[in-house]
C-alpha atoms as a PDB file:
ATOM      1  CA  UNK A   1     108.510  66.743  53.721  1.00  0.00           C
ATOM      2  CA  UNK A   2     108.274  68.871  56.825  1.00  0.00           C
ATOM      3  CA  UNK A   3     104.923  70.455  57.413  1.00  0.00           C
ATOM      4  CA  UNK A   4     103.052  68.037  55.123  1.00  0.00           C
ATOM      5  CA  UNK A   5     100.456  65.743  56.677  1.00  0.00           C
ATOM      6  CA  UNK A   6     100.531  62.093  55.603  1.00  0.00           C
ATOM      7  CA  UNK A   7      97.019  60.857  54.932  1.00  0.00           C
ATOM      8  CA  UNK A   8      96.274  57.455  56.402  1.00  0.00           C
ATOM      9  CA  UNK A   9      93.539  55.522  54.612  1.00  0.00           C
ATOM     10  CA  UNK A  10      90.621  54.677  56.846  1.00  0.00           C
ATOM     11  CA  UNK A  11      90.190  50.910  57.013  1.00  0.00           C
ATOM     12  CA  UNK A  12      86.778  49.705  55.972  1.00  0.00           C
ATOM     13  CA  UNK A  13      84.794  47.879  58.608  1.00  0.00           C
ATOM     14  CA  UNK A  14      84.880  44.162  57.688  1.00  0.00           C
ATOM     15  CA  UNK A  15      81.614  43.616  59.559  1.00  0.00           C
ATOM     16  CA  UNK A  16      78.067  44.545  58.612  1.00  0.00           C
ATOM     17  CA  UNK A  17      76.243  46.859  60.995  1.00  0.00           C
ATOM     18  CA  UNK A  18      73.210  44.580  60.799  1.00  0.00           C
ATOM     19  CA  UNK A  19      73.784  40.807  60.451  1.00  0.00           C
ATOM     20  CA  UNK A  20      72.329  39.277  57.297  1.00  0.00           C
ATOM     21  CA  UNK A  21      70.927  36.493  59.493  1.00  0.00           C
ATOM     22  CA  UNK A  22      69.688  37.270  62.983  1.00  0.00           C
ATOM     23  CA  UNK A  23      70.471  34.508  65.439  1.00  0.00           C
ATOM     24  CA  UNK A  24      70.655  33.956  69.166  1.00  0.00           C
ATOM     25  CA  UNK A  25      73.931  32.332  70.255  1.00  0.00           C
ATOM     26  CA  UNK A  26      72.840  31.638  73.815  1.00  0.00           C
ATOM     27  CA  UNK A  27      73.142  28.354  75.664  1.00  0.00           C
ATOM     28  CA  UNK A  28      69.330  28.205  75.785  1.00  0.00           C
ATOM     29  CA  UNK A  29      69.082  28.442  71.987  1.00  0.00           C
ATOM     30  CA  UNK A  30      71.776  25.792  71.646  1.00  0.00           C
ATOM     31  CA  UNK A  31      69.855  23.401  73.920  1.00  0.00           C
ATOM     32  CA  UNK A  32      66.545  24.040  72.127  1.00  0.00           C
ATOM     33  CA  UNK A  33      68.000  23.284  68.700  1.00  0.00           C
ATOM     34  CA  UNK A  34      69.559  20.040  69.940  1.00  0.00           C
ATOM     35  CA  UNK A  35      66.262  18.911  71.474  1.00  0.00           C
ATOM     36  CA  UNK A  36      64.273  19.753  68.338  1.00  0.00           C
ATOM     37  CA  UNK A  37      66.655  17.882  66.063  1.00  0.00           C
ATOM     38  CA  UNK A  38      66.969  14.721  68.122  1.00  0.00           C
ATOM     39  CA  UNK A  39      63.202  14.443  68.729  1.00  0.00           C
ATOM     40  CA  UNK A  40      62.346  14.179  65.017  1.00  0.00           C
ATOM     41  CA  UNK A  41      61.708  10.548  64.084  1.00  0.00           C
ATOM     42  CA  UNK A  42      60.993   8.790  60.796  1.00  0.00           C
ATOM     43  CA  UNK A  43      58.512   6.527  62.610  1.00  0.00           C
ATOM     44  CA  UNK A  44      56.119   9.483  62.737  1.00  0.00           C
ATOM     45  CA  UNK A  45      55.732   8.980  58.982  1.00  0.00           C
ATOM     46  CA  UNK A  46      56.152   5.235  58.468  1.00  0.00           C
ATOM     47  CA  UNK A  47      55.279   2.948  61.346  1.00  0.00           C
ATOM     48  CA  UNK A  48      57.096  -0.082  59.910  1.00  0.00           C
ATOM     49  CA  UNK A  49      60.314   1.960  59.842  1.00  0.00           C
ATOM     50  CA  UNK A  50      60.214   2.591  63.574  1.00  0.00           C
ATOM     51  CA  UNK A  51      63.769   3.009  64.785  1.00  0.00           C
ATOM     52  CA  UNK A  52      65.129   3.799  61.309  1.00  0.00           C
ATOM     53  CA  UNK A  53      67.040   7.011  60.766  1.00  0.00           C
ATOM     54  CA  UNK A  54      67.040  10.001  58.481  1.00  0.00           C
ATOM     55  CA  UNK A  55      69.756   9.359  55.892  1.00  0.00           C
ATOM     56  CA  UNK A  56      71.878  12.422  55.139  1.00  0.00           C
ATOM     57  CA  UNK A  57      74.365  12.142  52.268  1.00  0.00           C
ATOM     58  CA  UNK A  58      77.497  14.293  52.529  1.00  0.00           C
ATOM     59  CA  UNK A  59      79.121  15.242  49.198  1.00  0.00           C
ATOM     60  CA  UNK A  60      81.970  17.565  48.314  1.00  0.00           C
ATOM     61  CA  UNK A  61      85.490  17.873  46.892  1.00  0.00           C
ATOM     62  CA  UNK A  62      88.532  16.314  48.571  1.00  0.00           C
ATOM     63  CA  UNK A  63      89.629  18.336  51.567  1.00  0.00           C
ATOM     64  CA  UNK A  64      86.435  20.378  51.745  1.00  0.00           C
ATOM     65  CA  UNK A  65      85.713  19.314  55.327  1.00  0.00           C
ATOM     66  CA  UNK A  66      83.078  16.582  54.873  1.00  0.00           C
ATOM     67  CA  UNK A  67      84.486  14.252  57.526  1.00  0.00           C
ATOM     68  CA  UNK A  68      85.225  17.210  59.800  1.00  0.00           C
ATOM     69  CA  UNK A  69      81.594  18.297  59.512  1.00  0.00           C
ATOM     70  CA  UNK A  70      80.397  14.825  60.501  1.00  0.00           C
ATOM     71  CA  UNK A  71      82.822  14.841  63.431  1.00  0.00           C
ATOM     72  CA  UNK A  72      81.538  18.270  64.467  1.00  0.00           C
ATOM     73  CA  UNK A  73      77.920  17.069  64.528  1.00  0.00           C
ATOM     74  CA  UNK A  74      78.867  13.936  66.465  1.00  0.00           C
ATOM     75  CA  UNK A  75      80.924  16.070  68.867  1.00  0.00           C
ATOM     76  CA  UNK A  76      77.949  18.354  69.523  1.00  0.00           C
ATOM     77  CA  UNK A  77      75.741  15.334  70.152  1.00  0.00           C
ATOM     78  CA  UNK A  78      78.286  13.867  72.578  1.00  0.00           C
ATOM     79  CA  UNK A  79      79.208  17.133  74.268  1.00  0.00           C
ATOM     80  CA  UNK A  80      82.912  16.501  73.654  1.00  0.00           C
ATOM     81  CA  UNK A  81      85.228  16.472  70.656  1.00  0.00           C
ATOM     82  CA  UNK A  82      85.512  13.149  68.823  1.00  0.00           C
ATOM     83  CA  UNK A  83      87.139  12.125  65.539  1.00  0.00           C
ATOM     84  CA  UNK A  84      85.032   9.155  64.407  1.00  0.00           C
ATOM     85  CA  UNK A  85      84.996  10.045  60.724  1.00  0.00           C
ATOM     86  CA  UNK A  86      88.754  10.078  60.255  1.00  0.00           C
ATOM     87  CA  UNK A  87      89.612  13.588  59.101  1.00  0.00           C
ATOM     88  CA  UNK A  88      93.173  14.397  58.072  1.00  0.00           C
ATOM     89  CA  UNK A  89      92.875  16.174  54.772  1.00  0.00           C
ATOM     90  CA  UNK A  90      94.403  15.451  51.394  1.00  0.00           C
ATOM     91  CA  UNK A  91      97.646  17.149  52.370  1.00  0.00           C
ATOM     92  CA  UNK A  92      98.417  14.140  54.611  1.00  0.00           C
ATOM     93  CA  UNK A  93      97.444  11.609  51.987  1.00  0.00           C
ATOM     94  CA  UNK A  94      94.254  10.407  53.688  1.00  0.00           C
ATOM     95  CA  UNK A  95      90.818  10.631  52.100  1.00  0.00           C
ATOM     96  CA  UNK A  96      87.544   8.744  52.516  1.00  0.00           C
ATOM     97  CA  UNK A  97      87.597   5.664  50.283  1.00  0.00           C
ATOM     98  CA  UNK A  98      84.565   3.636  51.370  1.00  0.00           C
ATOM     99  CA  UNK A  99      80.869   4.421  51.643  1.00  0.00           C
ATOM    100  CA  UNK A 100      80.385   4.652  55.415  1.00  0.00           C
ATOM    101  CA  UNK A 101      77.699   5.826  57.800  1.00  0.00           C
ATOM    102  CA  UNK A 102      77.893   7.459  61.213  1.00  0.00           C
ATOM    103  CA  UNK A 103      75.115   7.622  63.818  1.00  0.00           C
ATOM    104  CA  UNK A 104      75.752   7.997  67.515  1.00  0.00           C
ATOM    105  CA  UNK A 105      75.292  10.303  70.466  1.00  0.00           C
ATOM    106  CA  UNK A 106      72.052  12.162  71.133  1.00  0.00           C
ATOM    107  CA  UNK A 107      71.361  12.476  67.382  1.00  0.00           C
ATOM    108  CA  UNK A 108      70.658   8.763  67.058  1.00  0.00           C
ATOM    109  CA  UNK A 109      67.776   9.517  64.679  1.00  0.00           C
ATOM    110  CA  UNK A 110      70.248  10.719  62.045  1.00  0.00           C
ATOM    111  CA  UNK A 111      72.660   8.727  59.905  1.00  0.00           C
ATOM    112  CA  UNK A 112      75.391  10.557  58.012  1.00  0.00           C
ATOM    113  CA  UNK A 113      76.876   8.911  54.927  1.00  0.00           C
ATOM    114  CA  UNK A 114      80.427   9.959  54.133  1.00  0.00           C
ATOM    115  CA  UNK A 115      81.702   9.654  50.568  1.00  0.00           C
ATOM    116  CA  UNK A 116      84.950   9.910  48.660  1.00  0.00           C
ATOM    117  CA  UNK A 117      85.817  13.419  47.536  1.00  0.00           C
ATOM    118  CA  UNK A 118      84.091  14.496  44.352  1.00  0.00           C
ATOM    119  CA  UNK A 119      86.463  15.377  41.537  1.00  0.00           C
ATOM    120  CA  UNK A 120      85.932  17.332  38.358  1.00  0.00           C
ATOM    121  CA  UNK A 121      83.444  15.538  36.108  1.00  0.00           C
ATOM    122  CA  UNK A 122      82.454  12.965  38.758  1.00  0.00           C
ATOM    123  CA  UNK A 123      80.096  10.115  37.844  1.00  0.00           C
ATOM    124  CA  UNK A 124      76.572  11.492  38.227  1.00  0.00           C
ATOM    125  CA  UNK A 125      74.913   8.107  37.663  1.00  0.00           C
ATOM    126  CA  UNK A 126      76.885   6.626  40.547  1.00  0.00           C
ATOM    127  CA  UNK A 127      75.780   9.440  42.833  1.00  0.00           C
ATOM    128  CA  UNK A 128      72.182   8.911  41.695  1.00  0.00           C
ATOM    129  CA  UNK A 129      72.437   5.214  42.625  1.00  0.00           C
ATOM    130  CA  UNK A 130      73.650   6.188  46.102  1.00  0.00           C
ATOM    131  CA  UNK A 131      70.868   8.734  46.546  1.00  0.00           C
ATOM    132  CA  UNK A 132      68.204   6.203  45.517  1.00  0.00           C
ATOM    133  CA  UNK A 133      69.475   3.736  48.137  1.00  0.00           C
ATOM    134  CA  UNK A 134      70.910   1.179  45.718  1.00  0.00           C
ATOM    135  CA  UNK A 135      74.449   1.226  47.150  1.00  0.00           C
ATOM    136  CA  UNK A 136      75.106  -0.606  50.412  1.00  0.00           C
ATOM    137  CA  UNK A 137      77.468   0.612  53.086  1.00  0.00           C
ATOM    138  CA  UNK A 138      81.050  -0.557  52.602  1.00  0.00           C
ATOM    139  CA  UNK A 139      81.246  -0.013  48.847  1.00  0.00           C
ATOM    140  CA  UNK A 140      84.768   1.005  47.779  1.00  0.00           C
ATOM    141  CA  UNK A 141      84.687   4.212  45.727  1.00  0.00           C
ATOM    142  CA  UNK A 142      88.190   3.596  44.430  1.00  0.00           C
ATOM    143  CA  UNK A 143      86.837   0.747  42.298  1.00  0.00           C
ATOM    144  CA  UNK A 144      85.428   3.485  40.053  1.00  0.00           C
ATOM    145  CA  UNK A 145      82.670   3.372  37.465  1.00  0.00           C
ATOM    146  CA  UNK A 146      78.983   2.636  37.972  1.00  0.00           C
ATOM    147  CA  UNK A 147      77.978  -0.101  40.399  1.00  0.00           C
ATOM    148  CA  UNK A 148      76.467  -3.094  38.593  1.00  0.00           C
ATOM    149  CA  UNK A 149      73.536  -5.237  39.729  1.00  0.00           C
ATOM    150  CA  UNK A 150      75.762  -8.282  40.287  1.00  0.00           C
ATOM    151  CA  UNK A 151      77.903  -6.326  42.767  1.00  0.00           C
ATOM    152  CA  UNK A 152      77.399  -7.597  46.365  1.00  0.00           C
ATOM    153  CA  UNK A 153      77.049  -3.968  47.483  1.00  0.00           C
ATOM    154  CA  UNK A 154      74.158  -3.320  45.066  1.00  0.00           C
ATOM    155  CA  UNK A 155      70.666  -3.160  46.622  1.00  0.00           C
ATOM    156  CA  UNK A 156      68.029  -4.241  44.085  1.00  0.00           C
ATOM    157  CA  UNK A 157      64.887  -3.161  45.900  1.00  0.00           C
ATOM    158  CA  UNK A 158      65.592  -0.189  48.174  1.00  0.00           C
ATOM    159  CA  UNK A 159      62.832   0.945  50.503  1.00  0.00           C
ATOM    160  CA  UNK A 160      62.031   4.494  51.588  1.00  0.00           C
ATOM    161  CA  UNK A 161      64.236   3.895  54.633  1.00  0.00           C
ATOM    162  CA  UNK A 162      67.232   3.037  52.405  1.00  0.00           C
ATOM    163  CA  UNK A 163      67.035   6.209  50.314  1.00  0.00           C
ATOM    164  CA  UNK A 164      68.883   9.411  51.081  1.00  0.00           C
ATOM    165  CA  UNK A 165      66.433  11.906  52.551  1.00  0.00           C
ATOM    166  CA  UNK A 166      68.560  15.022  52.118  1.00  0.00           C
ATOM    167  CA  UNK A 167      71.881  15.829  50.430  1.00  0.00           C
ATOM    168  CA  UNK A 168      74.513  18.025  52.083  1.00  0.00           C
ATOM    169  CA  UNK A 169      77.066  19.599  49.752  1.00  0.00           C
ATOM    170  CA  UNK A 170      80.227  20.682  51.565  1.00  0.00           C
ATOM    171  CA  UNK A 171      82.631  23.208  50.040  1.00  0.00           C
ATOM    172  CA  UNK A 172      85.664  25.100  51.357  1.00  0.00           C
ATOM    173  CA  UNK A 173      84.525  28.738  51.334  1.00  0.00           C
ATOM    174  CA  UNK A 174      88.083  29.895  50.555  1.00  0.00           C
ATOM    175  CA  UNK A 175      88.111  27.991  47.255  1.00  0.00           C
ATOM    176  CA  UNK A 176      84.810  29.172  45.746  1.00  0.00           C
ATOM    177  CA  UNK A 177      86.524  31.909  43.716  1.00  0.00           C
ATOM    178  CA  UNK A 178      88.848  29.391  42.022  1.00  0.00           C
ATOM    179  CA  UNK A 179      86.465  26.450  41.712  1.00  0.00           C
ATOM    180  CA  UNK A 180      86.573  24.641  38.380  1.00  0.00           C
ATOM    181  CA  UNK A 181      83.509  25.246  36.201  1.00  0.00           C
ATOM    182  CA  UNK A 182      83.266  21.556  35.248  1.00  0.00           C
ATOM    183  CA  UNK A 183      82.723  20.663  38.903  1.00  0.00           C
ATOM    184  CA  UNK A 184      79.940  23.199  39.448  1.00  0.00           C
ATOM    185  CA  UNK A 185      78.361  22.092  36.145  1.00  0.00           C
ATOM    186  CA  UNK A 186      78.308  18.470  37.366  1.00  0.00           C
ATOM    187  CA  UNK A 187      76.767  19.560  40.683  1.00  0.00           C
ATOM    188  CA  UNK A 188      74.032  21.430  38.801  1.00  0.00           C
ATOM    189  CA  UNK A 189      73.288  18.345  36.677  1.00  0.00           C
ATOM    190  CA  UNK A 190      73.046  16.196  39.794  1.00  0.00           C
ATOM    191  CA  UNK A 191      70.725  18.752  41.383  1.00  0.00           C
ATOM    192  CA  UNK A 192      68.442  18.592  38.348  1.00  0.00           C
ATOM    193  CA  UNK A 193      67.934  14.885  39.024  1.00  0.00           C
ATOM    194  CA  UNK A 194      67.370  15.574  42.718  1.00  0.00           C
ATOM    195  CA  UNK A 195      64.721  18.202  42.024  1.00  0.00           C
ATOM    196  CA  UNK A 196      62.758  15.779  39.826  1.00  0.00           C
ATOM    197  CA  UNK A 197      62.518  13.405  42.806  1.00  0.00           C
ATOM    198  CA  UNK A 198      61.662  16.150  45.336  1.00  0.00           C
ATOM    199  CA  UNK A 199      64.943  15.525  47.181  1.00  0.00           C
ATOM    200  CA  UNK A 200      66.134  18.718  48.838  1.00  0.00           C
ATOM    201  CA  UNK A 201      69.739  19.814  49.294  1.00  0.00           C
ATOM    202  CA  UNK A 202      71.730  22.303  51.297  1.00  0.00           C
ATOM    203  CA  UNK A 203      75.233  23.733  50.919  1.00  0.00           C
ATOM    204  CA  UNK A 204      77.590  24.054  53.880  1.00  0.00           C
ATOM    205  CA  UNK A 205      80.544  26.409  53.510  1.00  0.00           C
ATOM    206  CA  UNK A 206      83.386  25.373  55.801  1.00  0.00           C
ATOM    207  CA  UNK A 207      86.574  27.111  57.016  1.00  0.00           C
ATOM    208  CA  UNK A 208      84.949  30.525  57.409  1.00  0.00           C
ATOM    209  CA  UNK A 209      87.495  31.315  60.112  1.00  0.00           C
ATOM    210  CA  UNK A 210      90.260  31.010  57.495  1.00  0.00           C
ATOM    211  CA  UNK A 211      88.446  33.389  55.152  1.00  0.00           C
ATOM    212  CA  UNK A 212      87.703  36.146  57.663  1.00  0.00           C
ATOM    213  CA  UNK A 213      89.862  37.278  60.580  1.00  0.00           C
ATOM    214  CA  UNK A 214      86.806  38.612  62.421  1.00  0.00           C
ATOM    215  CA  UNK A 215      85.207  35.161  62.358  1.00  0.00           C
ATOM    216  CA  UNK A 216      88.490  33.668  63.512  1.00  0.00           C
ATOM    217  CA  UNK A 217      88.436  36.057  66.490  1.00  0.00           C
ATOM    218  CA  UNK A 218      84.793  35.330  67.314  1.00  0.00           C
ATOM    219  CA  UNK A 219      82.534  32.851  65.498  1.00  0.00           C
ATOM    220  CA  UNK A 220      79.500  34.973  66.423  1.00  0.00           C
ATOM    221  CA  UNK A 221      80.670  37.359  63.670  1.00  0.00           C
ATOM    222  CA  UNK A 222      79.936  34.734  61.016  1.00  0.00           C
ATOM    223  CA  UNK A 223      76.590  36.380  60.164  1.00  0.00           C
ATOM    224  CA  UNK A 224      78.103  39.860  60.094  1.00  0.00           C
ATOM    225  CA  UNK A 225      81.170  39.159  57.976  1.00  0.00           C
ATOM    226  CA  UNK A 226      81.141  40.964  54.625  1.00  0.00           C
ATOM    227  CA  UNK A 227      83.567  38.402  53.190  1.00  0.00           C
ATOM    228  CA  UNK A 228      81.367  35.484  54.225  1.00  0.00           C
ATOM    229  CA  UNK A 229      78.265  37.143  52.770  1.00  0.00           C
ATOM    230  CA  UNK A 230      80.105  37.834  49.505  1.00  0.00           C
ATOM    231  CA  UNK A 231      81.036  34.157  49.198  1.00  0.00           C
ATOM    232  CA  UNK A 232      77.487  33.047  50.042  1.00  0.00           C
ATOM    233  CA  UNK A 233      76.234  35.137  47.125  1.00  0.00           C
ATOM    234  CA  UNK A 234      78.938  33.640  44.917  1.00  0.00           C
ATOM    235  CA  UNK A 235      77.971  30.101  45.976  1.00  0.00           C
ATOM    236  CA  UNK A 236      74.307  30.829  45.266  1.00  0.00           C
ATOM    237  CA  UNK A 237      75.195  31.827  41.703  1.00  0.00           C
ATOM    238  CA  UNK A 238      77.611  28.928  41.147  1.00  0.00           C
ATOM    239  CA  UNK A 239      75.378  26.129  42.423  1.00  0.00           C
ATOM    240  CA  UNK A 240      71.941  27.567  41.714  1.00  0.00           C
ATOM    241  CA  UNK A 241      70.860  27.393  45.351  1.00  0.00           C
ATOM    242  CA  UNK A 242      68.818  29.954  47.305  1.00  0.00           C
ATOM    243  CA  UNK A 243      70.779  31.775  49.994  1.00  0.00           C
ATOM    244  CA  UNK A 244      68.505  30.275  52.645  1.00  0.00           C
ATOM    245  CA  UNK A 245      69.924  26.830  51.781  1.00  0.00           C
ATOM    246  CA  UNK A 246      73.538  27.942  52.258  1.00  0.00           C
ATOM    247  CA  UNK A 247      75.116  27.695  55.711  1.00  0.00           C
ATOM    248  CA  UNK A 248      78.553  29.071  56.672  1.00  0.00           C
ATOM    249  CA  UNK A 249      80.180  27.149  59.531  1.00  0.00           C
ATOM    250  CA  UNK A 250      83.415  26.595  61.392  1.00  0.00           C
ATOM    251  CA  UNK A 251      84.086  22.919  62.076  1.00  0.00           C
ATOM    252  CA  UNK A 252      85.609  21.565  65.241  1.00  0.00           C
ATOM    253  CA  UNK A 253      89.101  20.188  64.709  1.00  0.00           C
ATOM    254  CA  UNK A 254      92.575  21.652  64.497  1.00  0.00           C
ATOM    255  CA  UNK A 255      91.754  25.110  65.876  1.00  0.00           C
ATOM    256  CA  UNK A 256      88.929  24.475  68.341  1.00  0.00           C
ATOM    257  CA  UNK A 257      88.029  21.282  70.174  1.00  0.00           C
ATOM    258  CA  UNK A 258      86.082  22.705  73.115  1.00  0.00           C
ATOM    259  CA  UNK A 259      82.344  22.368  72.493  1.00  0.00           C
ATOM    260  CA  UNK A 260      80.530  25.702  72.860  1.00  0.00           C
ATOM    261  CA  UNK A 261      77.270  27.346  71.657  1.00  0.00           C
ATOM    262  CA  UNK A 262      79.047  29.860  69.398  1.00  0.00           C
ATOM    263  CA  UNK A 263      80.481  27.039  67.277  1.00  0.00           C
ATOM    264  CA  UNK A 264      77.393  24.845  67.601  1.00  0.00           C
ATOM    265  CA  UNK A 265      74.647  27.215  66.473  1.00  0.00           C
ATOM    266  CA  UNK A 266      75.579  27.590  62.744  1.00  0.00           C
ATOM    267  CA  UNK A 267      76.065  23.812  62.438  1.00  0.00           C
ATOM    268  CA  UNK A 268      72.806  23.066  64.265  1.00  0.00           C
ATOM    269  CA  UNK A 269      70.861  25.483  62.035  1.00  0.00           C
ATOM    270  CA  UNK A 270      72.111  23.627  58.958  1.00  0.00           C
ATOM    271  CA  UNK A 271      71.223  20.305  60.580  1.00  0.00           C
ATOM    272  CA  UNK A 272      67.750  21.518  61.497  1.00  0.00           C
ATOM    273  CA  UNK A 273      67.091  22.438  57.874  1.00  0.00           C
ATOM    274  CA  UNK A 274      68.242  18.956  56.806  1.00  0.00           C
ATOM    275  CA  UNK A 275      65.732  17.361  59.169  1.00  0.00           C
ATOM    276  CA  UNK A 276      62.934  19.646  57.946  1.00  0.00           C
ATOM    277  CA  UNK A 277      63.755  18.838  54.316  1.00  0.00           C
ATOM    278  CA  UNK A 278      63.854  15.107  55.130  1.00  0.00           C
ATOM    279  CA  UNK A 279      60.361  15.395  56.587  1.00  0.00           C
ATOM    280  CA  UNK A 280      59.122  17.154  53.448  1.00  0.00           C
ATOM    281  CA  UNK A 281      60.698  14.494  51.231  1.00  0.00           C
ATOM    282  CA  UNK A 282      59.061  11.630  53.124  1.00  0.00           C
ATOM    283  CA  UNK A 283      55.673  13.339  53.168  1.00  0.00           C
ATOM    284  CA  UNK A 284      55.839  13.760  49.381  1.00  0.00           C
ATOM    285  CA  UNK A 285      56.700  10.077  48.944  1.00  0.00           C
ATOM    286  CA  UNK A 286      53.795   8.991  51.141  1.00  0.00           C
ATOM    287  CA  UNK A 287      51.404  11.279  49.283  1.00  0.00           C
ATOM    288  CA  UNK A 288      52.493   9.835  45.926  1.00  0.00           C
ATOM    289  CA  UNK A 289      52.099   6.302  47.289  1.00  0.00           C
ATOM    290  CA  UNK A 290      48.550   7.027  48.467  1.00  0.00           C
ATOM    291  CA  UNK A 291      47.618   8.501  45.091  1.00  0.00           C
ATOM    292  CA  UNK A 292      49.145   5.527  43.267  1.00  0.00           C
ATOM    293  CA  UNK A 293      47.338   3.033  45.507  1.00  0.00           C
ATOM    294  CA  UNK A 294      44.014   4.784  44.888  1.00  0.00           C
ATOM    295  CA  UNK A 295      44.648   4.776  41.155  1.00  0.00           C
ATOM    296  CA  UNK A 296      45.462   1.053  41.264  1.00  0.00           C
ATOM    297  CA  UNK A 297      42.252   0.361  43.211  1.00  0.00           C
ATOM    298  CA  UNK A 298      40.132   2.148  40.616  1.00  0.00           C
ATOM    299  CA  UNK A 299      41.845   0.264  37.779  1.00  0.00           C
ATOM    300  CA  UNK A 300      41.166  -3.035  39.536  1.00  0.00           C
ATOM    301  CA  UNK A 301      37.549  -2.085  40.220  1.00  0.00           C
ATOM    302  CA  UNK A 302      36.987  -1.041  36.635  1.00  0.00           C
ATOM    303  CA  UNK A 303      38.348  -4.339  35.336  1.00  0.00           C
ATOM    304  CA  UNK A 304      36.190  -6.374  37.782  1.00  0.00           C
ATOM    305  CA  UNK A 305      33.080  -4.389  36.926  1.00  0.00           C
ATOM    306  CA  UNK A 306      33.546  -4.934  33.186  1.00  0.00           C
ATOM    307  CA  UNK A 307      33.941  -8.675  33.773  1.00  0.00           C
ATOM    308  CA  UNK A 308      30.778  -8.887  35.923  1.00  0.00           C
ATOM    309  CA  UNK A 309      28.729  -6.830  33.486  1.00  0.00           C
ATOM    310  CA  UNK A 310      29.929  -8.928  30.559  1.00  0.00           C
ATOM    311  CA  UNK A 311      28.608 -11.980  32.396  1.00  0.00           C
ATOM    312  CA  UNK A 312      25.346 -10.238  33.201  1.00  0.00           C
ATOM    313  CA  UNK A 313      26.119 -10.484  36.903  1.00  0.00           C
ATOM    314  CA  UNK A 314      25.964  -7.980  39.739  1.00  0.00           C
ATOM    315  CA  UNK A 315      28.785  -7.421  42.178  1.00  0.00           C
ATOM    316  CA  UNK A 316      29.473 -10.252  44.605  1.00  0.00           C
ATOM    317  CA  UNK A 317      28.398  -8.971  48.035  1.00  0.00           C
ATOM    318  CA  UNK A 318      31.106 -11.124  49.612  1.00  0.00           C
ATOM    319  CA  UNK A 319      33.712  -8.704  48.310  1.00  0.00           C
ATOM    320  CA  UNK A 320      34.989  -6.060  50.739  1.00  0.00           C
ATOM    321  CA  UNK A 321      32.398  -3.306  51.164  1.00  0.00           C
ATOM    322  CA  UNK A 322      34.853  -0.708  49.844  1.00  0.00           C
ATOM    323  CA  UNK A 323      35.234  -2.711  46.618  1.00  0.00           C
ATOM    324  CA  UNK A 324      31.468  -3.212  46.246  1.00  0.00           C
ATOM    325  CA  UNK A 325      30.789   0.528  46.590  1.00  0.00           C
ATOM    326  CA  UNK A 326      33.529   1.488  44.145  1.00  0.00           C
ATOM    327  CA  UNK A 327      32.536  -1.167  41.615  1.00  0.00           C
ATOM    328  CA  UNK A 328      28.862  -0.254  41.897  1.00  0.00           C
ATOM    329  CA  UNK A 329      29.789   3.344  41.126  1.00  0.00           C
ATOM    330  CA  UNK A 330      31.674   2.229  38.025  1.00  0.00           C
ATOM    331  CA  UNK A 331      28.786  -0.084  37.062  1.00  0.00           C
ATOM    332  CA  UNK A 332      26.265   2.753  37.261  1.00  0.00           C
ATOM    333  CA  UNK A 333      28.471   4.988  35.108  1.00  0.00           C
ATOM    334  CA  UNK A 334      28.976   2.272  32.512  1.00  0.00           C
ATOM    335  CA  UNK A 335      25.267   1.477  32.505  1.00  0.00           C
ATOM    336  CA  UNK A 336      24.365   5.125  32.034  1.00  0.00           C
ATOM    337  CA  UNK A 337      26.804   5.479  29.144  1.00  0.00           C
ATOM    338  CA  UNK A 338      25.239   2.488  27.378  1.00  0.00           C
ATOM    339  CA  UNK A 339      21.838   4.147  27.289  1.00  0.00           C
ATOM    340  CA  UNK A 340      23.103   6.992  25.102  1.00  0.00           C
END
């Protein structure tokens, strides 16, 4: 009608005024993160494992971007786009079928293990065997079931260097709102087993550029996007993970193949946390081993002392001095207890 003004709704700003995570996207920050990650070595913890790598297990549903994430990390380490972990997506009929590892470029201290896509109600025991280092590279996931001890790909006595040192869950951020509850329930059950072994985990949310137009325009907006933050909160509730363990990223691939700091930084921050968690995991293992060794020493000393005292003998001075001191301590305590 003439003379009437048509009110136009004011579009809400899709970006936060203050980013929920403050980060520097400069070339200098990019270089520093790369140097910090590649300088971390397992040999600092276990000398006999010099040259061995941090094992990072990548888990997630089919088409979530697991292989693309591995390719993105390898591309950053090489300074150019590569497609080593073949990434096509389920829409083309290609998925990861065998247990494979990838380690190359400047991040030669890291080994990524790619897995078949997790489906609803996946086999938790099989995943636990992989995490504990009992499954050798090359195992075919399409065989199904739990790997048996007579399988040539079964490792009977895995060492600390064979175990997974951190688990990376990868999920398409656009599918969180429609994710099946049975899948998230299985992930929570698997996490319960991880927590009991001190194994840490992170969650990487891929395809953030498909969720938010502002991120698609400029990846730097990833920490200011209201949509991304909303899905991070949703993921935290679904998987029972703290927000600090959840990393939104945009993988290299179909849309972008030119390596640049804006794309690198979110991926490198997730990778840095993986390395830190791997360090924590190994330190906890070493601490438990030291405590167990000390306990075994005292048990051995106690048994030896009882035998010597039963024979009316004193400790043999030819034994290692450490043993003599420990046994003498036990002998004094036993002798004192006999007087009362």
